[in-house]
Every structure is written in structure tokens, then in C-alpha cells.
Amino acid sequence: MSLDASRRSKYCDAMRYFFHIVGGSELYPDELGRRLPTLESARRHAKVLADELRTGGDFFGSSFVRVVDEHGNTVFECPVSSPKSD
């Protein structure tokens, strides 16, 4: 198997994850999702999104990133923590 075929195979085996933003009672759905090779990759991506939302200041406290797989199963949620006081 060539290297390109190996990469294509891994890409085809990757799961599509959707990173919905939940802010209070509002749901902001991710309609495109992102194809990632592992659940751990999805966790890292969710944490980056949560950190960006926290830094932006629009979402915090009860807000979180809900990660859903391509089958519609919620696989985990990552809280958007409020900024820490120094």
C-alpha cells in the first residue's frame, strides 16, 4: 500500500464530530462537523473551542461545548469556564 493510500484509508476511517455550543438555554449547532482520527483529537479540539469562547467572554459559566459523533451520540461535553481571577 502506498503512503497516499494509507493516508486516504486513515482519513476514510476517521469519525465526523460535531461541536455544538450550548449557552444557557440556547444551542448553537455545528452543522458541518469535523472529521478527526480519534476521540482524543475531538477532546483536544473541544478544549481549544472552549478556551477560545472563554477568552472571547461571550460564553462562560453554564456554557459548554457538546461533542456529538456522526451517529448523533453525545460523546462528551467540555465546560467553558469563567476567566480566573488573578
PDB file of N, CA and C in Angstrom:
ATOM      1  N   MET A   1       0.850  -1.175   0.000  1.00  0.00           N
ATOM      2  CA  MET A   1       0.000   0.000   0.000  1.00  0.00           C
ATOM      3  C   MET A   1       0.897   1.240   0.000  1.00  0.00           C
ATOM      4  N   SER A   2       0.624   2.158  -0.868  1.00  0.00           N
ATOM      5  CA  SER A   2       1.426   3.381  -0.929  1.00  0.00           C
ATOM      6  C   SER A   2       1.103   4.280   0.259  1.00  0.00           C
ATOM      7  N   LEU A   3       1.967   5.251   0.513  1.00  0.00           N
ATOM      8  CA  LEU A   3       1.760   6.186   1.612  1.00  0.00           C
ATOM      9  C   LEU A   3       0.475   6.979   1.406  1.00  0.00           C
ATOM     10  N   ASP A   4       0.222   7.430   0.169  1.00  0.00           N
ATOM     11  CA  ASP A   4      -1.004   8.184  -0.105  1.00  0.00           C
ATOM     12  C   ASP A   4      -2.242   7.342   0.158  1.00  0.00           C
ATOM     13  N   ALA A   5      -2.208   6.074  -0.241  1.00  0.00           N
ATOM     14  CA  ALA A   5      -3.342   5.182   0.001  1.00  0.00           C
ATOM     15  C   ALA A   5      -3.538   4.975   1.496  1.00  0.00           C
ATOM     16  N   SER A   6      -2.448   4.870   2.245  1.00  0.00           N
ATOM     17  CA  SER A   6      -2.526   4.708   3.691  1.00  0.00           C
ATOM     18  C   SER A   6      -3.170   5.931   4.332  1.00  0.00           C
ATOM     19  N   ARG A   7      -2.780   7.111   3.907  1.00  0.00           N
ATOM     20  CA  ARG A   7      -3.370   8.347   4.442  1.00  0.00           C
ATOM     21  C   ARG A   7      -4.849   8.431   4.101  1.00  0.00           C
ATOM     22  N   ARG A   8      -5.200   8.090   2.866  1.00  0.00           N
ATOM     23  CA  ARG A   8      -6.606   8.110   2.459  1.00  0.00           C
ATOM     24  C   ARG A   8      -7.416   7.141   3.310  1.00  0.00           C
ATOM     25  N   SER A   9      -6.864   5.962   3.559  1.00  0.00           N
ATOM     26  CA  SER A   9      -7.553   4.962   4.359  1.00  0.00           C
ATOM     27  C   SER A   9      -7.811   5.479   5.770  1.00  0.00           C
ATOM     28  N   LYS A  10      -6.814   6.105   6.393  1.00  0.00           N
ATOM     29  CA  LYS A  10      -6.985   6.650   7.732  1.00  0.00           C
ATOM     30  C   LYS A  10      -8.015   7.767   7.729  1.00  0.00           C
ATOM     31  N   TYR A  11      -8.009   8.602   6.683  1.00  0.00           N
ATOM     32  CA  TYR A  11      -8.974   9.693   6.603  1.00  0.00           C
ATOM     33  C   TYR A  11     -10.380   9.131   6.469  1.00  0.00           C
ATOM     34  N   CYS A  12     -10.535   8.095   5.658  1.00  0.00           N
ATOM     35  CA  CYS A  12     -11.854   7.493   5.459  1.00  0.00           C
ATOM     36  C   CYS A  12     -12.354   6.834   6.736  1.00  0.00           C
ATOM     37  N   ASP A  13     -11.443   6.319   7.557  1.00  0.00           N
ATOM     38  CA  ASP A  13     -11.833   5.674   8.808  1.00  0.00           C
ATOM     39  C   ASP A  13     -12.145   6.682   9.912  1.00  0.00           C
ATOM     40  N   ALA A  14     -11.787   7.934   9.721  1.00  0.00           N
ATOM     41  CA  ALA A  14     -11.986   8.945  10.753  1.00  0.00           C
ATOM     42  C   ALA A  14     -13.480   9.188  10.971  1.00  0.00           C
ATOM     43  N   MET A  15     -13.819   9.532  12.183  1.00  0.00           N
ATOM     44  CA  MET A  15     -15.203   9.820  12.573  1.00  0.00           C
ATOM     45  C   MET A  15     -15.449  11.321  12.421  1.00  0.00           C
ATOM     46  N   ARG A  16     -16.663  11.681  12.009  1.00  0.00           N
ATOM     47  CA  ARG A  16     -17.043  13.094  11.975  1.00  0.00           C
ATOM     48  C   ARG A  16     -17.651  13.442  13.332  1.00  0.00           C
ATOM     49  N   TYR A  17     -17.134  14.512  13.921  1.00  0.00           N
ATOM     50  CA  TYR A  17     -17.628  15.006  15.197  1.00  0.00           C
ATOM     51  C   TYR A  17     -18.217  16.398  14.985  1.00  0.00           C
ATOM     52  N   PHE A  18     -19.260  16.689  15.732  1.00  0.00           N
ATOM     53  CA  PHE A  18     -19.911  17.989  15.680  1.00  0.00           C
ATOM     54  C   PHE A  18     -19.710  18.657  17.036  1.00  0.00           C
ATOM     55  N   PHE A  19     -19.368  19.940  17.001  1.00  0.00           N
ATOM     56  CA  PHE A  19     -19.017  20.682  18.210  1.00  0.00           C
ATOM     57  C   PHE A  19     -20.066  21.770  18.433  1.00  0.00           C
ATOM     58  N   HIS A  20     -21.166  21.378  19.073  1.00  0.00           N
ATOM     59  CA  HIS A  20     -22.264  22.297  19.337  1.00  0.00           C
ATOM     60  C   HIS A  20     -21.919  23.161  20.543  1.00  0.00           C
ATOM     61  N   ILE A  21     -22.279  24.427  20.467  1.00  0.00           N
ATOM     62  CA  ILE A  21     -22.063  25.342  21.579  1.00  0.00           C
ATOM     63  C   ILE A  21     -23.397  25.489  22.308  1.00  0.00           C
ATOM     64  N   VAL A  22     -23.380  25.255  23.603  1.00  0.00           N
ATOM     65  CA  VAL A  22     -24.569  25.410  24.426  1.00  0.00           C
ATOM     66  C   VAL A  22     -24.304  26.556  25.390  1.00  0.00           C
ATOM     67  N   GLY A  23     -25.148  27.585  25.299  1.00  0.00           N
ATOM     68  CA  GLY A  23     -25.013  28.748  26.164  1.00  0.00           C
ATOM     69  C   GLY A  23     -26.322  28.994  26.879  1.00  0.00           C
ATOM     70  N   GLY A  24     -26.382  28.619  28.147  1.00  0.00           N
ATOM     71  CA  GLY A  24     -27.645  28.732  28.876  1.00  0.00           C
ATOM     72  C   GLY A  24     -28.678  27.816  28.241  1.00  0.00           C
ATOM     73  N   SER A  25     -29.786  28.401  27.791  1.00  0.00           N
ATOM     74  CA  SER A  25     -30.832  27.594  27.153  1.00  0.00           C
ATOM     75  C   SER A  25     -30.722  27.598  25.626  1.00  0.00           C
ATOM     76  N   GLU A  26     -29.701  28.240  25.093  1.00  0.00           N
ATOM     77  CA  GLU A  26     -29.511  28.339  23.644  1.00  0.00           C
ATOM     78  C   GLU A  26     -28.548  27.272  23.136  1.00  0.00           C
ATOM     79  N   LEU A  27     -28.867  26.724  21.971  1.00  0.00           N
ATOM     80  CA  LEU A  27     -27.989  25.768  21.301  1.00  0.00           C
ATOM     81  C   LEU A  27     -27.537  26.383  19.984  1.00  0.00           C
ATOM     82  N   TYR A  28     -26.235  26.413  19.776  1.00  0.00           N
ATOM     83  CA  TYR A  28     -25.651  26.906  18.535  1.00  0.00           C
ATOM     84  C   TYR A  28     -25.025  25.700  17.840  1.00  0.00           C
ATOM     85  N   PRO A  29     -25.777  25.085  16.907  1.00  0.00           N
ATOM     86  CA  PRO A  29     -25.314  23.819  16.318  1.00  0.00           C
ATOM     87  C   PRO A  29     -24.177  23.988  15.318  1.00  0.00           C
ATOM     88  N   ASP A  30     -23.311  23.021  15.334  1.00  0.00           N
ATOM     89  CA  ASP A  30     -22.246  22.895  14.344  1.00  0.00           C
ATOM     90  C   ASP A  30     -22.826  22.020  13.237  1.00  0.00           C
ATOM     91  N   GLU A  31     -23.139  22.604  12.117  1.00  0.00           N
ATOM     92  CA  GLU A  31     -23.802  21.868  11.042  1.00  0.00           C
ATOM     93  C   GLU A  31     -22.837  21.147  10.114  1.00  0.00           C
ATOM     94  N   LEU A  32     -21.563  21.514  10.141  1.00  0.00           N
ATOM     95  CA  LEU A  32     -20.587  20.890   9.248  1.00  0.00           C
ATOM     96  C   LEU A  32     -19.798  19.778   9.923  1.00  0.00           C
ATOM     97  N   GLY A  33     -19.445  19.976  11.161  1.00  0.00           N
ATOM     98  CA  GLY A  33     -18.633  18.997  11.868  1.00  0.00           C
ATOM     99  C   GLY A  33     -17.206  18.995  11.365  1.00  0.00           C
ATOM    100  N   ARG A  34     -16.460  18.085  11.924  1.00  0.00           N
ATOM    101  CA  ARG A  34     -15.037  17.986  11.581  1.00  0.00           C
ATOM    102  C   ARG A  34     -14.638  16.523  11.662  1.00  0.00           C
ATOM    103  N   ARG A  35     -13.973  16.038  10.633  1.00  0.00           N
ATOM    104  CA  ARG A  35     -13.525  14.649  10.596  1.00  0.00           C
ATOM    105  C   ARG A  35     -12.181  14.564  11.325  1.00  0.00           C
ATOM    106  N   LEU A  36     -12.154  13.745  12.377  1.00  0.00           N
ATOM    107  CA  LEU A  36     -10.951  13.595  13.192  1.00  0.00           C
ATOM    108  C   LEU A  36     -10.646  12.115  13.390  1.00  0.00           C
ATOM    109  N   PRO A  37      -9.370  11.779  13.534  1.00  0.00           N
ATOM    110  CA  PRO A  37      -8.979  10.368  13.576  1.00  0.00           C
ATOM    111  C   PRO A  37      -9.299   9.652  14.887  1.00  0.00           C
ATOM    112  N   THR A  38      -9.370  10.387  16.005  1.00  0.00           N
ATOM    113  CA  THR A  38      -9.583   9.728  17.299  1.00  0.00           C
ATOM    114  C   THR A  38     -10.491  10.566  18.187  1.00  0.00           C
ATOM    115  N   LEU A  39     -11.039   9.907  19.189  1.00  0.00           N
ATOM    116  CA  LEU A  39     -11.835  10.607  20.189  1.00  0.00           C
ATOM    117  C   LEU A  39     -10.963  11.605  20.949  1.00  0.00           C
ATOM    118  N   GLU A  40      -9.722  11.253  21.195  1.00  0.00           N
ATOM    119  CA  GLU A  40      -8.809  12.172  21.882  1.00  0.00           C
ATOM    120  C   GLU A  40      -8.595  13.450  21.052  1.00  0.00           C
ATOM    121  N   SER A  41      -8.535  13.325  19.745  1.00  0.00           N
ATOM    122  CA  SER A  41      -8.421  14.512  18.877  1.00  0.00           C
ATOM    123  C   SER A  41      -9.654  15.401  19.031  1.00  0.00           C
ATOM    124  N   ALA A  42     -10.815  14.782  19.133  1.00  0.00           N
ATOM    125  CA  ALA A  42     -12.060  15.535  19.325  1.00  0.00           C
ATOM    126  C   ALA A  42     -12.049  16.244  20.684  1.00  0.00           C
ATOM    127  N   ARG A  43     -11.542  15.569  21.717  1.00  0.00           N
ATOM    128  CA  ARG A  43     -11.442  16.197  23.044  1.00  0.00           C
ATOM    129  C   ARG A  43     -10.537  17.427  23.008  1.00  0.00           C
ATOM    130  N   ARG A  44      -9.400  17.286  22.358  1.00  0.00           N
ATOM    131  CA  ARG A  44      -8.466  18.420  22.260  1.00  0.00           C
ATOM    132  C   ARG A  44      -9.109  19.588  21.514  1.00  0.00           C
ATOM    133  N   HIS A  45      -9.813  19.280  20.428  1.00  0.00           N
ATOM    134  CA  HIS A  45     -10.462  20.337  19.650  1.00  0.00           C
ATOM    135  C   HIS A  45     -11.542  21.029  20.488  1.00  0.00           C
ATOM    136  N   ALA A  46     -12.322  20.265  21.234  1.00  0.00           N
ATOM    137  CA  ALA A  46     -13.365  20.847  22.087  1.00  0.00           C
ATOM    138  C   ALA A  46     -12.749  21.764  23.142  1.00  0.00           C
ATOM    139  N   LYS A  47     -11.628  21.360  23.711  1.00  0.00           N
ATOM    140  CA  LYS A  47     -10.967  22.188  24.729  1.00  0.00           C
ATOM    141  C   LYS A  47     -10.483  23.499  24.127  1.00  0.00           C
ATOM    142  N   VAL A  48      -9.930  23.445  22.914  1.00  0.00           N
ATOM    143  CA  VAL A  48      -9.495  24.668  22.233  1.00  0.00           C
ATOM    144  C   VAL A  48     -10.695  25.592  22.001  1.00  0.00           C
ATOM    145  N   LEU A  49     -11.806  25.024  21.531  1.00  0.00           N
ATOM    146  CA  LEU A  49     -13.008  25.840  21.315  1.00  0.00           C
ATOM    147  C   LEU A  49     -13.487  26.467  22.622  1.00  0.00           C
ATOM    148  N   ALA A  50     -13.537  25.664  23.682  1.00  0.00           N
ATOM    149  CA  ALA A  50     -13.984  26.171  24.982  1.00  0.00           C
ATOM    150  C   ALA A  50     -13.069  27.296  25.473  1.00  0.00           C
ATOM    151  N   ASP A  51     -11.769  27.129  25.310  1.00  0.00           N
ATOM    152  CA  ASP A  51     -10.819  28.176  25.716  1.00  0.00           C
ATOM    153  C   ASP A  51     -11.017  29.448  24.903  1.00  0.00           C
ATOM    154  N   GLU A  52     -11.262  29.303  23.604  1.00  0.00           N
ATOM    155  CA  GLU A  52     -11.494  30.474  22.754  1.00  0.00           C
ATOM    156  C   GLU A  52     -12.787  31.190  23.150  1.00  0.00           C
ATOM    157  N   LEU A  53     -13.825  30.424  23.458  1.00  0.00           N
ATOM    158  CA  LEU A  53     -15.088  31.032  23.894  1.00  0.00           C
ATOM    159  C   LEU A  53     -14.916  31.757  25.224  1.00  0.00           C
ATOM    160  N   ARG A  54     -14.167  31.147  26.144  1.00  0.00           N
ATOM    161  CA  ARG A  54     -13.914  31.778  27.440  1.00  0.00           C
ATOM    162  C   ARG A  54     -13.154  33.073  27.254  1.00  0.00           C
ATOM    163  N   THR A  55     -12.113  33.024  26.435  1.00  0.00           N
ATOM    164  CA  THR A  55     -11.291  34.210  26.186  1.00  0.00           C
ATOM    165  C   THR A  55     -12.108  35.321  25.539  1.00  0.00           C
ATOM    166  N   GLY A  56     -13.023  34.943  24.643  1.00  0.00           N
ATOM    167  CA  GLY A  56     -13.871  35.923  23.982  1.00  0.00           C
ATOM    168  C   GLY A  56     -14.855  36.586  24.929  1.00  0.00           C
ATOM    169  N   GLY A  57     -15.187  35.890  26.032  1.00  0.00           N
ATOM    170  CA  GLY A  57     -16.043  36.476  27.054  1.00  0.00           C
ATOM    171  C   GLY A  57     -17.534  36.377  26.804  1.00  0.00           C
ATOM    172  N   ASP A  58     -17.967  35.877  25.657  1.00  0.00           N
ATOM    173  CA  ASP A  58     -19.395  35.794  25.377  1.00  0.00           C
ATOM    174  C   ASP A  58     -20.060  34.591  26.029  1.00  0.00           C
ATOM    175  N   PHE A  59     -19.294  33.539  26.236  1.00  0.00           N
ATOM    176  CA  PHE A  59     -19.821  32.310  26.812  1.00  0.00           C
ATOM    177  C   PHE A  59     -18.993  31.941  28.036  1.00  0.00           C
ATOM    178  N   PHE A  60     -19.650  31.645  29.133  1.00  0.00           N
ATOM    179  CA  PHE A  60     -18.951  31.195  30.328  1.00  0.00           C
ATOM    180  C   PHE A  60     -19.974  30.650  31.305  1.00  0.00           C
ATOM    181  N   GLY A  61     -19.501  30.201  32.452  1.00  0.00           N
ATOM    182  CA  GLY A  61     -20.406  29.701  33.484  1.00  0.00           C
ATOM    183  C   GLY A  61     -21.096  28.421  33.076  1.00  0.00           C
ATOM    184  N   SER A  62     -22.362  28.528  32.687  1.00  0.00           N
ATOM    185  CA  SER A  62     -23.132  27.330  32.347  1.00  0.00           C
ATOM    186  C   SER A  62     -22.961  26.922  30.885  1.00  0.00           C
ATOM    187  N   SER A  63     -22.092  27.570  30.166  1.00  0.00           N
ATOM    188  CA  SER A  63     -21.877  27.240  28.754  1.00  0.00           C
ATOM    189  C   SER A  63     -20.926  26.062  28.614  1.00  0.00           C
ATOM    190  N   PHE A  64     -21.089  25.318  27.530  1.00  0.00           N
ATOM    191  CA  PHE A  64     -20.190  24.203  27.259  1.00  0.00           C
ATOM    192  C   PHE A  64     -20.214  23.843  25.781  1.00  0.00           C
ATOM    193  N   VAL A  65     -19.213  23.093  25.366  1.00  0.00           N
ATOM    194  CA  VAL A  65     -19.140  22.550  24.016  1.00  0.00           C
ATOM    195  C   VAL A  65     -19.607  21.102  24.111  1.00  0.00           C
ATOM    196  N   ARG A  66     -20.671  20.784  23.392  1.00  0.00           N
ATOM    197  CA  ARG A  66     -21.191  19.412  23.355  1.00  0.00           C
ATOM    198  C   ARG A  66     -20.663  18.740  22.098  1.00  0.00           C
ATOM    199  N   VAL A  67     -19.966  17.639  22.272  1.00  0.00           N
ATOM    200  CA  VAL A  67     -19.379  16.912  21.145  1.00  0.00           C
ATOM    201  C   VAL A  67     -20.266  15.708  20.839  1.00  0.00           C
ATOM    202  N   VAL A  68     -20.715  15.658  19.580  1.00  0.00           N
ATOM    203  CA  VAL A  68     -21.628  14.619  19.120  1.00  0.00           C
ATOM    204  C   VAL A  68     -20.980  13.908  17.942  1.00  0.00           C
ATOM    205  N   ASP A  69     -21.043  12.579  17.930  1.00  0.00           N
ATOM    206  CA  ASP A  69     -20.450  11.850  16.809  1.00  0.00           C
ATOM    207  C   ASP A  69     -21.401  11.818  15.609  1.00  0.00           C
ATOM    208  N   GLU A  70     -20.938  11.252  14.520  1.00  0.00           N
ATOM    209  CA  GLU A  70     -21.720  11.256  13.277  1.00  0.00           C
ATOM    210  C   GLU A  70     -22.992  10.416  13.365  1.00  0.00           C
ATOM    211  N   HIS A  71     -23.141   9.645  14.442  1.00  0.00           N
ATOM    212  CA  HIS A  71     -24.338   8.834  14.646  1.00  0.00           C
ATOM    213  C   HIS A  71     -25.350   9.537  15.554  1.00  0.00           C
ATOM    214  N   GLY A  72     -25.011  10.759  15.984  1.00  0.00           N
ATOM    215  CA  GLY A  72     -25.908  11.527  16.840  1.00  0.00           C
ATOM    216  C   GLY A  72     -25.743  11.273  18.321  1.00  0.00           C
ATOM    217  N   ASN A  73     -24.709  10.533  18.693  1.00  0.00           N
ATOM    218  CA  ASN A  73     -24.449  10.241  20.107  1.00  0.00           C
ATOM    219  C   ASN A  73     -23.594  11.332  20.737  1.00  0.00           C
ATOM    220  N   THR A  74     -24.029  11.857  21.866  1.00  0.00           N
ATOM    221  CA  THR A  74     -23.185  12.790  22.613  1.00  0.00           C
ATOM    222  C   THR A  74     -22.063  11.982  23.230  1.00  0.00           C
ATOM    223  N   VAL A  75     -20.821  12.338  22.899  1.00  0.00           N
ATOM    224  CA  VAL A  75     -19.685  11.573  23.404  1.00  0.00           C
ATOM    225  C   VAL A  75     -19.041  12.225  24.621  1.00  0.00           C
ATOM    226  N   PHE A  76     -19.155  13.536  24.741  1.00  0.00           N
ATOM    227  CA  PHE A  76     -18.723  14.237  25.945  1.00  0.00           C
ATOM    228  C   PHE A  76     -19.066  15.705  25.826  1.00  0.00           C
ATOM    229  N   GLU A  77     -18.921  16.409  26.939  1.00  0.00           N
ATOM    230  CA  GLU A  77     -19.132  17.853  26.981  1.00  0.00           C
ATOM    231  C   GLU A  77     -17.944  18.509  27.666  1.00  0.00           C
ATOM    232  N   CYS A  78     -17.549  19.654  27.158  1.00  0.00           N
ATOM    233  CA  CYS A  78     -16.390  20.372  27.679  1.00  0.00           C
ATOM    234  C   CYS A  78     -16.871  21.751  28.168  1.00  0.00           C
ATOM    235  N   PRO A  79     -16.786  22.004  29.475  1.00  0.00           N
ATOM    236  CA  PRO A  79     -17.279  23.286  30.008  1.00  0.00           C
ATOM    237  C   PRO A  79     -16.447  24.473  29.563  1.00  0.00           C
ATOM    238  N   VAL A  80     -17.131  25.597  29.428  1.00  0.00           N
ATOM    239  CA  VAL A  80     -16.455  26.865  29.158  1.00  0.00           C
ATOM    240  C   VAL A  80     -16.384  27.547  30.516  1.00  0.00           C
ATOM    241  N   SER A  81     -15.230  27.480  31.143  1.00  0.00           N
ATOM    242  CA  SER A  81     -15.067  28.049  32.482  1.00  0.00           C
ATOM    243  C   SER A  81     -14.961  29.554  32.412  1.00  0.00           C
ATOM    244  N   SER A  82     -15.448  30.223  33.439  1.00  0.00           N
ATOM    245  CA  SER A  82     -15.299  31.669  33.501  1.00  0.00           C
ATOM    246  C   SER A  82     -13.824  31.996  33.702  1.00  0.00           C
ATOM    247  N   PRO A  83     -13.403  33.175  33.233  1.00  0.00           N
ATOM    248  CA  PRO A  83     -11.988  33.548  33.399  1.00  0.00           C
ATOM    249  C   PRO A  83     -11.604  33.546  34.870  1.00  0.00           C
ATOM    250  N   LYS A  84     -10.388  33.060  35.153  1.00  0.00           N
ATOM    251  CA  LYS A  84      -9.897  33.014  36.531  1.00  0.00           C
ATOM    252  C   LYS A  84      -9.403  34.385  36.960  1.00  0.00           C
ATOM    253  N   SER A  85      -9.680  34.726  38.188  1.00  0.00           N
ATOM    254  CA  SER A  85      -9.185  35.987  38.740  1.00  0.00           C
ATOM    255  C   SER A  85      -7.748  35.790  39.191  1.00  0.00           C
ATOM    256  N   ASP A  86      -6.920  36.778  38.924  1.00  0.00           N
ATOM    257  CA  ASP A  86      -5.526  36.714  39.363  1.00  0.00           C
ATOM    258  C   ASP A  86      -5.354  37.358  40.709  1.00  0.00           C
TER     259      ASP A  86
END
